[in-house]
Amino acid sequence: MRILRSADYRRMPWKNGGGETVEIAVHPAGSSLDEFDWRVSMARVAADGPFSAFPGVERTLAVLDGNGIRLEIGGGTPVELTTSSEPFAFAADVGVEARLVDGPITDLNVMTRRGRARHSLRCLRPCEAVERTVDAAAVLLFCSEGCAEIEAEGAVRRLAAHDALLDINVSGSWRIAPKISPVLFLVEIDAPA
């Protein structure tokens, strides 16, 4: 289990060149955009436009800050996402047009390559300490806002805004204690079903 600090994240251009992404974690480590099994990243979206296409990839998006974004996926009915929306899953190889609601946003992206991995993404806003059972090939807990302490494997780790906790081959219980109004995102990654 290790803490990933925001100062250490890898910054890289979007696949379509339209902006910059901050890579929080990728597997295998150091994988390119065409090679990863799974990837968790954060991006600032400052203008309307198309999302990068990732053939053979499933994607889940959550809005971390800003007034929201509307996604038109494959020419379908637009879906509006805000900071209060549940994370939204869609195929990353279908054309997506994005329209900002009112100004830039920051989003959290989780992507898994079909046939190699699958994922879930949940938002947690604990007001008091909670026990959470985790059982996955990889678990990443990202702190979007505030501060929290996580007790697992006999140790306590503190997450500040934009830090993450990554654990591989997890099976056990985590105690998550809020310190300063945390907004947390729990990513669980497993082998394909």
C-alpha atoms as a PDB file:
ATOM      1  CA  MET A   1       0.000   0.000   0.000  1.00  0.00           C
ATOM      2  CA  ARG A   2       1.437   3.370  -0.927  1.00  0.00           C
ATOM      3  CA  ILE A   3       0.510   7.030  -0.946  1.00  0.00           C
ATOM      4  CA  LEU A   4       0.659   8.828  -4.287  1.00  0.00           C
ATOM      5  CA  ARG A   5       1.268  12.557  -3.837  1.00  0.00           C
ATOM      6  CA  SER A   6      -0.074  15.050  -6.344  1.00  0.00           C
ATOM      7  CA  ALA A   7       3.376  16.606  -6.842  1.00  0.00           C
ATOM      8  CA  ASP A   8       4.619  13.267  -8.210  1.00  0.00           C
ATOM      9  CA  TYR A   9       1.893  12.638 -10.823  1.00  0.00           C
ATOM     10  CA  ARG A  10       2.972  12.469 -14.451  1.00  0.00           C
ATOM     11  CA  ARG A  11       1.704  15.294 -16.683  1.00  0.00           C
ATOM     12  CA  MET A  12       1.171  14.535 -20.343  1.00  0.00           C
ATOM     13  CA  PRO A  13      -0.731  15.904 -23.350  1.00  0.00           C
ATOM     14  CA  TRP A  14      -4.162  14.554 -24.192  1.00  0.00           C
ATOM     15  CA  LYS A  15      -4.130  11.891 -26.858  1.00  0.00           C
ATOM     16  CA  ASN A  16      -5.925  14.327 -29.217  1.00  0.00           C
ATOM     17  CA  GLY A  17      -3.601  17.219 -28.258  1.00  0.00           C
ATOM     18  CA  GLY A  18      -6.461  19.374 -26.930  1.00  0.00           C
ATOM     19  CA  GLY A  19      -5.179  19.737 -23.370  1.00  0.00           C
ATOM     20  CA  GLU A  20      -3.168  18.167 -20.584  1.00  0.00           C
ATOM     21  CA  THR A  21      -3.881  15.217 -18.324  1.00  0.00           C
ATOM     22  CA  VAL A  22      -2.390  14.356 -14.956  1.00  0.00           C
ATOM     23  CA  GLU A  23      -1.781  10.626 -14.681  1.00  0.00           C
ATOM     24  CA  ILE A  24      -2.378   9.453 -11.106  1.00  0.00           C
ATOM     25  CA  ALA A  25      -1.686   5.739 -11.663  1.00  0.00           C
ATOM     26  CA  VAL A  26      -1.284   3.345 -14.591  1.00  0.00           C
ATOM     27  CA  HIS A  27      -0.741  -0.400 -14.924  1.00  0.00           C
ATOM     28  CA  PRO A  28       1.636  -1.722 -16.006  1.00  0.00           C
ATOM     29  CA  ALA A  29       3.746   1.124 -14.626  1.00  0.00           C
ATOM     30  CA  GLY A  30       4.987   3.489 -17.333  1.00  0.00           C
ATOM     31  CA  SER A  31       2.539   2.158 -19.965  1.00  0.00           C
ATOM     32  CA  SER A  32       1.746   4.345 -22.946  1.00  0.00           C
ATOM     33  CA  LEU A  33      -1.810   5.395 -23.822  1.00  0.00           C
ATOM     34  CA  ASP A  34      -2.045   2.463 -26.246  1.00  0.00           C
ATOM     35  CA  GLU A  35      -0.654  -0.175 -23.866  1.00  0.00           C
ATOM     36  CA  PHE A  36      -2.176   0.258 -20.378  1.00  0.00           C
ATOM     37  CA  ASP A  37      -4.414  -2.358 -18.746  1.00  0.00           C
ATOM     38  CA  TRP A  38      -5.874   0.330 -16.478  1.00  0.00           C
ATOM     39  CA  ARG A  39      -5.333   4.032 -15.898  1.00  0.00           C
ATOM     40  CA  VAL A  40      -6.573   6.701 -13.469  1.00  0.00           C
ATOM     41  CA  SER A  41      -6.082  10.343 -14.435  1.00  0.00           C
ATOM     42  CA  MET A  42      -7.350  13.859 -13.864  1.00  0.00           C
ATOM     43  CA  ALA A  43      -7.804  16.574 -16.493  1.00  0.00           C
ATOM     44  CA  ARG A  44      -8.769  20.228 -16.682  1.00  0.00           C
ATOM     45  CA  VAL A  45     -11.297  20.783 -19.492  1.00  0.00           C
ATOM     46  CA  ALA A  46     -11.280  24.458 -20.475  1.00  0.00           C
ATOM     47  CA  ALA A  47     -13.045  24.385 -23.869  1.00  0.00           C
ATOM     48  CA  ASP A  48     -15.767  22.529 -25.739  1.00  0.00           C
ATOM     49  CA  GLY A  49     -14.631  19.790 -28.091  1.00  0.00           C
ATOM     50  CA  PRO A  50     -14.201  16.081 -28.756  1.00  0.00           C
ATOM     51  CA  PHE A  51     -12.857  13.585 -26.236  1.00  0.00           C
ATOM     52  CA  SER A  52      -9.868  11.460 -27.222  1.00  0.00           C
ATOM     53  CA  ALA A  53     -10.825   8.031 -28.569  1.00  0.00           C
ATOM     54  CA  PHE A  54      -9.401   4.936 -26.856  1.00  0.00           C
ATOM     55  CA  PRO A  55     -10.175   1.786 -28.891  1.00  0.00           C
ATOM     56  CA  GLY A  56     -11.109  -1.223 -26.755  1.00  0.00           C
ATOM     57  CA  VAL A  57     -11.387   0.806 -23.532  1.00  0.00           C
ATOM     58  CA  GLU A  58     -14.187   1.346 -20.997  1.00  0.00           C
ATOM     59  CA  ARG A  59     -14.182   4.718 -19.235  1.00  0.00           C
ATOM     60  CA  THR A  60     -15.848   6.258 -16.180  1.00  0.00           C
ATOM     61  CA  LEU A  61     -15.853  10.019 -15.638  1.00  0.00           C
ATOM     62  CA  ALA A  62     -16.585  12.105 -12.524  1.00  0.00           C
ATOM     63  CA  VAL A  63     -16.591  15.902 -12.270  1.00  0.00           C
ATOM     64  CA  LEU A  64     -14.329  17.117  -9.434  1.00  0.00           C
ATOM     65  CA  ASP A  65     -14.911  20.876  -9.721  1.00  0.00           C
ATOM     66  CA  GLY A  66     -16.591  23.444 -11.935  1.00  0.00           C
ATOM     67  CA  ASN A  67     -20.191  23.917 -13.069  1.00  0.00           C
ATOM     68  CA  GLY A  68     -20.492  20.775 -15.156  1.00  0.00           C
ATOM     69  CA  ILE A  69     -20.111  19.272 -18.596  1.00  0.00           C
ATOM     70  CA  ARG A  70     -22.536  17.849 -21.160  1.00  0.00           C
ATOM     71  CA  LEU A  71     -21.422  14.753 -23.058  1.00  0.00           C
ATOM     72  CA  GLU A  72     -22.980  13.702 -26.336  1.00  0.00           C
ATOM     73  CA  ILE A  73     -21.904  10.102 -26.810  1.00  0.00           C
ATOM     74  CA  GLY A  74     -22.199   8.558 -30.249  1.00  0.00           C
ATOM     75  CA  GLY A  75     -24.747  11.195 -31.303  1.00  0.00           C
ATOM     76  CA  GLY A  76     -27.130  10.236 -28.477  1.00  0.00           C
ATOM     77  CA  THR A  77     -29.011  12.386 -25.998  1.00  0.00           C
ATOM     78  CA  PRO A  78     -26.579  14.609 -24.051  1.00  0.00           C
ATOM     79  CA  VAL A  79     -25.759  13.596 -20.484  1.00  0.00           C
ATOM     80  CA  GLU A  80     -24.984  16.402 -18.020  1.00  0.00           C
ATOM     81  CA  LEU A  81     -22.456  15.709 -15.279  1.00  0.00           C
ATOM     82  CA  THR A  82     -21.821  17.950 -12.267  1.00  0.00           C
ATOM     83  CA  THR A  83     -19.944  17.593  -8.988  1.00  0.00           C
ATOM     84  CA  SER A  84     -23.102  16.093  -7.452  1.00  0.00           C
ATOM     85  CA  SER A  85     -23.611  13.526 -10.247  1.00  0.00           C
ATOM     86  CA  GLU A  86     -22.706   9.880  -9.833  1.00  0.00           C
ATOM     87  CA  PRO A  87     -19.656   8.828 -11.882  1.00  0.00           C
ATOM     88  CA  PHE A  88     -20.721   8.058 -15.457  1.00  0.00           C
ATOM     89  CA  ALA A  89     -19.493   4.999 -17.402  1.00  0.00           C
ATOM     90  CA  PHE A  90     -19.270   4.798 -21.216  1.00  0.00           C
ATOM     91  CA  ALA A  91     -17.238   3.216 -23.997  1.00  0.00           C
ATOM     92  CA  ALA A  92     -14.109   5.256 -24.713  1.00  0.00           C
ATOM     93  CA  ASP A  93     -14.005   4.170 -28.351  1.00  0.00           C
ATOM     94  CA  VAL A  94     -17.316   5.860 -29.241  1.00  0.00           C
ATOM     95  CA  GLY A  95     -17.199   9.490 -30.415  1.00  0.00           C
ATOM     96  CA  VAL A  96     -17.847  11.952 -27.564  1.00  0.00           C
ATOM     97  CA  GLU A  97     -18.481  15.690 -27.920  1.00  0.00           C
ATOM     98  CA  ALA A  98     -18.145  17.739 -24.727  1.00  0.00           C
ATOM     99  CA  ARG A  99     -19.808  21.077 -23.962  1.00  0.00           C
ATOM    100  CA  LEU A 100     -18.993  22.974 -20.788  1.00  0.00           C
ATOM    101  CA  VAL A 101     -22.013  24.167 -18.780  1.00  0.00           C
ATOM    102  CA  ASP A 102     -20.442  27.413 -17.521  1.00  0.00           C
ATOM    103  CA  GLY A 103     -16.662  27.586 -17.440  1.00  0.00           C
ATOM    104  CA  PRO A 104     -13.862  25.014 -17.029  1.00  0.00           C
ATOM    105  CA  ILE A 105     -14.105  21.805 -15.044  1.00  0.00           C
ATOM    106  CA  THR A 106     -11.677  19.257 -13.641  1.00  0.00           C
ATOM    107  CA  ASP A 107     -12.597  15.616 -14.112  1.00  0.00           C
ATOM    108  CA  LEU A 108     -11.424  12.239 -12.869  1.00  0.00           C
ATOM    109  CA  ASN A 109     -11.093   9.479 -15.488  1.00  0.00           C
ATOM    110  CA  VAL A 110     -10.818   5.750 -14.883  1.00  0.00           C
ATOM    111  CA  MET A 111     -10.104   3.575 -17.917  1.00  0.00           C
ATOM    112  CA  THR A 112      -9.713  -0.182 -18.317  1.00  0.00           C
ATOM    113  CA  ARG A 113      -8.874  -2.116 -21.447  1.00  0.00           C
ATOM    114  CA  ARG A 114     -11.528  -4.675 -22.386  1.00  0.00           C
ATOM    115  CA  GLY A 115     -10.359  -8.250 -21.931  1.00  0.00           C
ATOM    116  CA  ARG A 116      -7.613  -7.184 -19.501  1.00  0.00           C
ATOM    117  CA  ALA A 117      -9.426  -5.441 -16.630  1.00  0.00           C
ATOM    118  CA  ARG A 118     -12.743  -4.007 -15.430  1.00  0.00           C
ATOM    119  CA  HIS A 119     -13.414  -1.243 -12.926  1.00  0.00           C
ATOM    120  CA  SER A 120     -15.901   0.525 -10.704  1.00  0.00           C
ATOM    121  CA  LEU A 121     -15.791   4.116  -9.445  1.00  0.00           C
ATOM    122  CA  ARG A 122     -17.755   5.412  -6.446  1.00  0.00           C
ATOM    123  CA  CYS A 123     -17.859   8.780  -4.715  1.00  0.00           C
ATOM    124  CA  LEU A 124     -17.666   8.765  -0.890  1.00  0.00           C
ATOM    125  CA  ARG A 125     -18.479  11.772   1.286  1.00  0.00           C
ATOM    126  CA  PRO A 126     -18.104  10.373   4.819  1.00  0.00           C
ATOM    127  CA  CYS A 127     -19.315  12.548   7.707  1.00  0.00           C
ATOM    128  CA  GLU A 128     -18.040  10.036  10.251  1.00  0.00           C
ATOM    129  CA  ALA A 129     -15.644   7.099  10.259  1.00  0.00           C
ATOM    130  CA  VAL A 130     -16.775   4.201   8.070  1.00  0.00           C
ATOM    131  CA  GLU A 131     -15.533   0.650   7.566  1.00  0.00           C
ATOM    132  CA  ARG A 132     -15.162  -0.393   3.950  1.00  0.00           C
ATOM    133  CA  THR A 133     -14.449  -3.948   2.773  1.00  0.00           C
ATOM    134  CA  VAL A 134     -12.187  -3.997  -0.254  1.00  0.00           C
ATOM    135  CA  ASP A 135     -11.416  -7.048  -2.375  1.00  0.00           C
ATOM    136  CA  ALA A 136      -9.861  -6.356  -5.761  1.00  0.00           C
ATOM    137  CA  ALA A 137      -6.737  -6.742  -7.884  1.00  0.00           C
ATOM    138  CA  ALA A 138      -6.108  -3.020  -7.312  1.00  0.00           C
ATOM    139  CA  VAL A 139      -7.797  -0.348  -5.207  1.00  0.00           C
ATOM    140  CA  LEU A 140      -7.135   3.380  -5.509  1.00  0.00           C
ATOM    141  CA  LEU A 141      -8.685   5.932  -3.148  1.00  0.00           C
ATOM    142  CA  PHE A 142      -8.412   9.486  -4.505  1.00  0.00           C
ATOM    143  CA  CYS A 143      -9.036  12.504  -2.257  1.00  0.00           C
ATOM    144  CA  SER A 144     -10.646  15.230  -4.351  1.00  0.00           C
ATOM    145  CA  GLU A 145     -11.273  17.684  -1.485  1.00  0.00           C
ATOM    146  CA  GLY A 146     -10.540  17.963   2.218  1.00  0.00           C
ATOM    147  CA  CYS A 147      -8.541  15.461   4.198  1.00  0.00           C
ATOM    148  CA  ALA A 148      -9.063  11.899   5.475  1.00  0.00           C
ATOM    149  CA  GLU A 149      -7.209   9.172   7.358  1.00  0.00           C
ATOM    150  CA  ILE A 150      -7.291   5.570   6.191  1.00  0.00           C
ATOM    151  CA  GLU A 151      -6.454   2.741   8.554  1.00  0.00           C
ATOM    152  CA  ALA A 152      -5.521  -0.537   6.867  1.00  0.00           C
ATOM    153  CA  GLU A 153      -3.056  -3.351   7.470  1.00  0.00           C
ATOM    154  CA  GLY A 154      -2.272  -1.956  10.929  1.00  0.00           C
ATOM    155  CA  ALA A 155      -1.134   1.454   9.664  1.00  0.00           C
ATOM    156  CA  VAL A 156      -2.793   4.871   9.335  1.00  0.00           C
ATOM    157  CA  ARG A 157      -2.246   6.966   6.230  1.00  0.00           C
ATOM    158  CA  ARG A 158      -3.400  10.551   5.701  1.00  0.00           C
ATOM    159  CA  LEU A 159      -4.694  11.832   2.360  1.00  0.00           C
ATOM    160  CA  ALA A 160      -4.867  15.531   1.534  1.00  0.00           C
ATOM    161  CA  ALA A 161      -6.572  17.043  -1.523  1.00  0.00           C
ATOM    162  CA  HIS A 162      -5.436  15.356  -4.770  1.00  0.00           C
ATOM    163  CA  ASP A 163      -3.448  12.626  -2.998  1.00  0.00           C
ATOM    164  CA  ALA A 164      -4.276   8.963  -3.581  1.00  0.00           C
ATOM    165  CA  LEU A 165      -3.757   5.659  -1.821  1.00  0.00           C
ATOM    166  CA  LEU A 166      -2.966   2.658  -4.053  1.00  0.00           C
ATOM    167  CA  ASP A 167      -3.026  -0.962  -2.944  1.00  0.00           C
ATOM    168  CA  ILE A 168      -2.529  -4.053  -5.111  1.00  0.00           C
ATOM    169  CA  ASN A 169      -4.191  -7.453  -4.515  1.00  0.00           C
ATOM    170  CA  VAL A 170      -6.364  -6.140  -1.698  1.00  0.00           C
ATOM    171  CA  SER A 171      -8.620  -8.220   0.507  1.00  0.00           C
ATOM    172  CA  GLY A 172      -9.578  -6.751   3.841  1.00  0.00           C
ATOM    173  CA  SER A 173     -11.109  -3.835   5.633  1.00  0.00           C
ATOM    174  CA  TRP A 174     -10.298  -0.139   5.498  1.00  0.00           C
ATOM    175  CA  ARG A 175     -11.424   2.347   8.110  1.00  0.00           C
ATOM    176  CA  ILE A 176     -11.929   5.759   6.509  1.00  0.00           C
ATOM    177  CA  ALA A 177     -12.073   8.678   8.946  1.00  0.00           C
ATOM    178  CA  PRO A 178     -12.934  12.189   7.720  1.00  0.00           C
ATOM    179  CA  LYS A 179     -10.703  14.978   9.008  1.00  0.00           C
ATOM    180  CA  ILE A 180     -11.660  18.011   6.886  1.00  0.00           C
ATOM    181  CA  SER A 181     -14.877  17.401   4.838  1.00  0.00           C
ATOM    182  CA  PRO A 182     -13.395  14.893   2.397  1.00  0.00           C
ATOM    183  CA  VAL A 183     -14.731  14.024  -1.028  1.00  0.00           C
ATOM    184  CA  LEU A 184     -13.197  10.682  -1.932  1.00  0.00           C
ATOM    185  CA  PHE A 185     -13.354   8.517  -5.055  1.00  0.00           C
ATOM    186  CA  LEU A 186     -12.916   4.760  -4.664  1.00  0.00           C
ATOM    187  CA  VAL A 187     -11.634   2.892  -7.718  1.00  0.00           C
ATOM    188  CA  GLU A 188     -11.717  -0.906  -7.678  1.00  0.00           C
ATOM    189  CA  ILE A 189     -10.068  -2.832 -10.521  1.00  0.00           C
ATOM    190  CA  ASP A 190     -10.360  -6.543 -11.208  1.00  0.00           C
ATOM    191  CA  ALA A 191      -9.681  -9.084 -13.915  1.00  0.00           C
ATOM    192  CA  PRO A 192     -12.358  -9.181 -16.635  1.00  0.00           C
ATOM    193  CA  ALA A 193     -15.526 -11.178 -15.848  1.00  0.00           C
END
